[in-house]
Amino acid sequence: MPRIRASIVSRVTLVVALCAAGAAPAAADQPRPQPHTKTARPGPPSAVDPSRSDLDIVALSVGGVLPGGTTMLRVLIANFGPDETASTATVRVTVPGGAAAVGPFFPPSCTPDASGGTVVCTFAPGLGLLKTATVQIPVRVPSDIAHGVTLSGGRVAVSSPDDTNSGNNTASFALQVG
């Protein structure tokens, strides 16, 4: 009989503990901070307050390439906030001298200059806190470039009127031919 009583006491204790845990508000019931709201300024109807966003180049990769070959430049941009972007963001890619950007590009909003030396990509407002955007640029090296040559001078820059920290907006890269 003491064994049955201990079992009942254990079950009652478990039920009381579960009820007590359920009495606290769930995480979804907790108050949440209000997001930054955009309010119109006096003037043109499309004007809004800038957000407090921080765009950053968090990853940049480019593979090696053979003479006459093509490699892919990949750039990952992140918004470290605290707000989502309220303005357009622009990514400008300068290809190392001796190489040229060739399409197709990602995103499709990317446009090269006539020589393929610079590509500009635009992103619409709305990149959320801790969200990322990707740029992919195919880069071709002429066939007369020698094996073992490093083409330097590549640069990526991201900009936005909302960006509160321009210290993390650029990165350099080189292409290894061989």
Protein backbone atom coordinates (compact mmCIF):
# COMPACT_ATOMS: atom_id res chain seq x y z
CA MET A 1 0.00 0.00 0.00
CA PRO A 2 2.78 2.56 0.69
CA ARG A 3 4.01 1.92 -2.85
CA ILE A 4 0.62 2.88 -4.34
CA ARG A 5 0.44 6.01 -2.17
CA ALA A 6 3.94 7.08 -3.34
CA SER A 7 2.88 6.57 -6.95
CA ILE A 8 -0.23 8.70 -6.45
CA VAL A 9 1.78 11.42 -4.71
CA SER A 10 4.29 11.40 -7.59
CA ARG A 11 1.51 11.74 -10.15
CA VAL A 12 -0.17 14.55 -8.21
CA THR A 13 3.15 16.34 -7.90
CA LEU A 14 3.69 15.99 -11.66
CA VAL A 15 0.18 17.34 -12.43
CA VAL A 16 0.69 20.30 -10.06
CA ALA A 17 4.05 21.07 -11.68
CA LEU A 18 2.57 20.92 -15.20
CA CYS A 19 -0.34 23.15 -14.20
CA ALA A 20 2.00 25.65 -12.60
CA ALA A 21 4.17 25.69 -15.73
CA GLY A 22 1.10 26.21 -17.89
CA ALA A 23 -0.06 29.10 -15.74
CA ALA A 24 2.82 31.30 -16.92
CA PRO A 25 2.22 33.16 -20.17
CA ALA A 26 3.68 31.43 -23.21
CA ALA A 27 6.44 33.12 -25.18
CA ALA A 28 3.90 34.05 -27.85
CA ASP A 29 1.87 35.88 -25.18
CA GLN A 30 4.82 38.03 -24.09
CA PRO A 31 4.84 41.67 -25.21
CA ARG A 32 6.99 42.23 -28.29
CA PRO A 33 8.86 45.37 -29.24
CA GLN A 34 7.10 47.35 -31.92
CA PRO A 35 8.86 47.42 -35.30
CA HIS A 36 10.18 50.70 -36.68
CA THR A 37 7.37 52.34 -38.58
CA LYS A 38 7.77 54.45 -41.67
CA THR A 39 6.06 57.82 -41.50
CA ALA A 40 5.66 60.19 -44.39
CA ARG A 41 7.61 63.43 -44.28
CA PRO A 42 6.16 66.65 -45.57
CA GLY A 43 6.83 66.83 -49.27
CA PRO A 44 6.44 64.28 -52.03
CA PRO A 45 4.03 61.47 -51.15
CA SER A 46 6.71 58.79 -51.65
CA ALA A 47 9.14 60.20 -49.06
CA VAL A 48 9.56 58.08 -45.91
CA ASP A 49 11.78 58.22 -42.87
CA PRO A 50 15.02 56.33 -43.49
CA SER A 51 15.47 53.09 -41.63
CA ARG A 52 18.33 52.29 -39.30
CA SER A 53 19.85 49.42 -41.24
CA ASP A 54 23.43 48.18 -41.45
CA LEU A 55 24.32 46.48 -44.71
CA ASP A 56 27.46 44.36 -44.61
CA ILE A 57 29.38 42.20 -47.09
CA VAL A 58 29.50 38.98 -45.07
CA ALA A 59 30.90 36.61 -47.70
CA LEU A 60 32.72 36.92 -51.00
CA SER A 61 34.02 33.95 -52.95
CA VAL A 62 35.50 33.46 -56.39
CA GLY A 63 37.08 30.32 -57.76
CA GLY A 64 40.24 29.98 -59.75
CA VAL A 65 39.95 30.14 -63.52
CA LEU A 66 41.84 28.82 -66.54
CA PRO A 67 42.90 31.12 -69.39
CA GLY A 68 39.85 31.65 -71.60
CA GLY A 69 37.57 30.30 -68.85
CA THR A 70 34.79 31.65 -66.69
CA THR A 71 34.40 31.57 -62.91
CA MET A 72 31.59 32.71 -60.62
CA LEU A 73 31.91 35.59 -58.17
CA ARG A 74 29.45 35.18 -55.29
CA VAL A 75 28.68 37.96 -52.83
CA LEU A 76 26.44 37.70 -49.77
CA ILE A 77 25.06 40.92 -48.29
CA ALA A 78 23.37 40.95 -44.85
CA ASN A 79 21.30 43.53 -42.99
CA PHE A 80 22.33 43.74 -39.33
CA GLY A 81 19.57 46.29 -38.68
CA PRO A 82 18.02 47.03 -36.37
CA ASP A 83 15.41 47.90 -39.04
CA GLU A 84 14.59 46.51 -42.45
CA THR A 85 15.82 48.67 -45.32
CA ALA A 86 13.44 51.42 -46.37
CA SER A 87 15.50 52.47 -49.41
CA THR A 88 17.02 50.75 -52.42
CA ALA A 89 20.40 49.08 -51.87
CA THR A 90 23.05 49.10 -54.60
CA VAL A 91 25.88 46.61 -55.03
CA ARG A 92 28.73 47.71 -57.33
CA VAL A 93 31.18 45.04 -58.51
CA THR A 94 34.45 46.08 -60.16
CA VAL A 95 36.07 43.16 -61.97
CA PRO A 96 39.89 42.83 -61.84
CA GLY A 97 41.75 44.35 -64.80
CA GLY A 98 42.11 41.89 -67.66
CA ALA A 99 38.82 40.11 -66.91
CA ALA A 100 35.23 40.92 -67.83
CA ALA A 101 31.81 40.25 -66.33
CA VAL A 102 29.60 38.20 -68.64
CA GLY A 103 25.94 37.38 -68.17
CA PRO A 104 23.59 36.10 -67.10
CA PHE A 105 23.75 37.83 -63.73
CA PHE A 106 21.86 37.24 -60.51
CA PRO A 107 19.73 39.03 -59.62
CA PRO A 108 18.40 40.03 -63.03
CA SER A 109 18.52 43.70 -61.92
CA CYS A 110 22.32 43.64 -62.41
CA THR A 111 23.57 45.65 -65.38
CA PRO A 112 27.15 45.73 -66.68
CA ASP A 113 28.91 48.69 -68.25
CA ALA A 114 29.92 48.39 -71.92
CA SER A 115 33.33 46.82 -71.17
CA GLY A 116 32.09 44.35 -68.53
CA GLY A 117 34.47 45.94 -66.04
CA THR A 118 31.74 47.09 -63.64
CA VAL A 119 28.35 45.60 -62.77
CA VAL A 120 25.71 47.42 -60.72
CA CYS A 121 22.94 45.46 -59.00
CA THR A 122 19.96 47.02 -57.23
CA PHE A 123 17.78 45.56 -54.49
CA ALA A 124 14.33 46.87 -53.62
CA PRO A 125 13.61 48.19 -50.12
CA GLY A 126 12.50 45.65 -47.54
CA LEU A 127 15.59 43.58 -46.69
CA GLY A 128 14.70 42.52 -43.15
CA LEU A 129 16.80 42.31 -40.03
CA LEU A 130 19.33 39.45 -40.31
CA LYS A 131 18.18 38.67 -43.86
CA THR A 132 20.57 38.30 -46.78
CA ALA A 133 20.78 39.14 -50.46
CA THR A 134 22.95 37.33 -53.00
CA VAL A 135 24.81 38.58 -56.06
CA GLN A 136 26.33 36.20 -58.62
CA ILE A 137 28.54 37.55 -61.40
CA PRO A 138 30.17 35.27 -64.00
CA VAL A 139 33.69 36.55 -64.78
CA ARG A 140 35.64 35.55 -67.91
CA VAL A 141 39.42 35.70 -68.33
CA PRO A 142 40.89 36.12 -71.85
CA SER A 143 42.70 33.11 -73.31
CA ASP A 144 45.96 35.07 -73.70
CA ILE A 145 46.40 35.47 -69.91
CA ALA A 146 49.26 33.24 -68.72
CA HIS A 147 48.89 30.45 -66.15
CA GLY A 148 49.88 31.51 -62.64
CA VAL A 149 48.92 35.17 -63.08
CA THR A 150 46.88 36.86 -60.36
CA LEU A 151 44.49 39.52 -61.63
CA SER A 152 43.99 42.03 -58.82
CA GLY A 153 41.86 45.13 -58.36
CA GLY A 154 38.50 43.42 -57.88
CA ARG A 155 36.19 45.26 -55.52
CA VAL A 156 32.64 44.95 -54.20
CA ALA A 157 30.77 47.80 -52.50
CA VAL A 158 27.24 47.96 -51.10
CA SER A 159 25.46 51.25 -50.40
CA SER A 160 22.09 52.52 -49.27
CA PRO A 161 20.89 55.87 -47.92
CA ASP A 162 19.68 53.95 -44.84
CA ASP A 163 23.03 52.35 -44.00
CA THR A 164 24.26 53.56 -40.61
CA ASN A 165 27.69 51.89 -40.78
CA SER A 166 29.70 52.30 -43.99
CA GLY A 167 32.81 50.71 -42.43
CA ASN A 168 31.76 47.20 -43.52
CA ASN A 169 30.52 47.99 -47.02
CA THR A 170 33.51 47.08 -49.20
CA ALA A 171 35.64 44.04 -49.94
CA SER A 172 38.47 43.36 -52.37
CA PHE A 173 39.20 40.21 -54.37
CA ALA A 174 41.62 38.85 -56.97
CA LEU A 175 41.39 36.15 -59.63
CA GLN A 176 43.98 33.36 -59.71
CA VAL A 177 44.56 32.17 -63.29
CA GLY A 178 45.89 28.69 -63.66
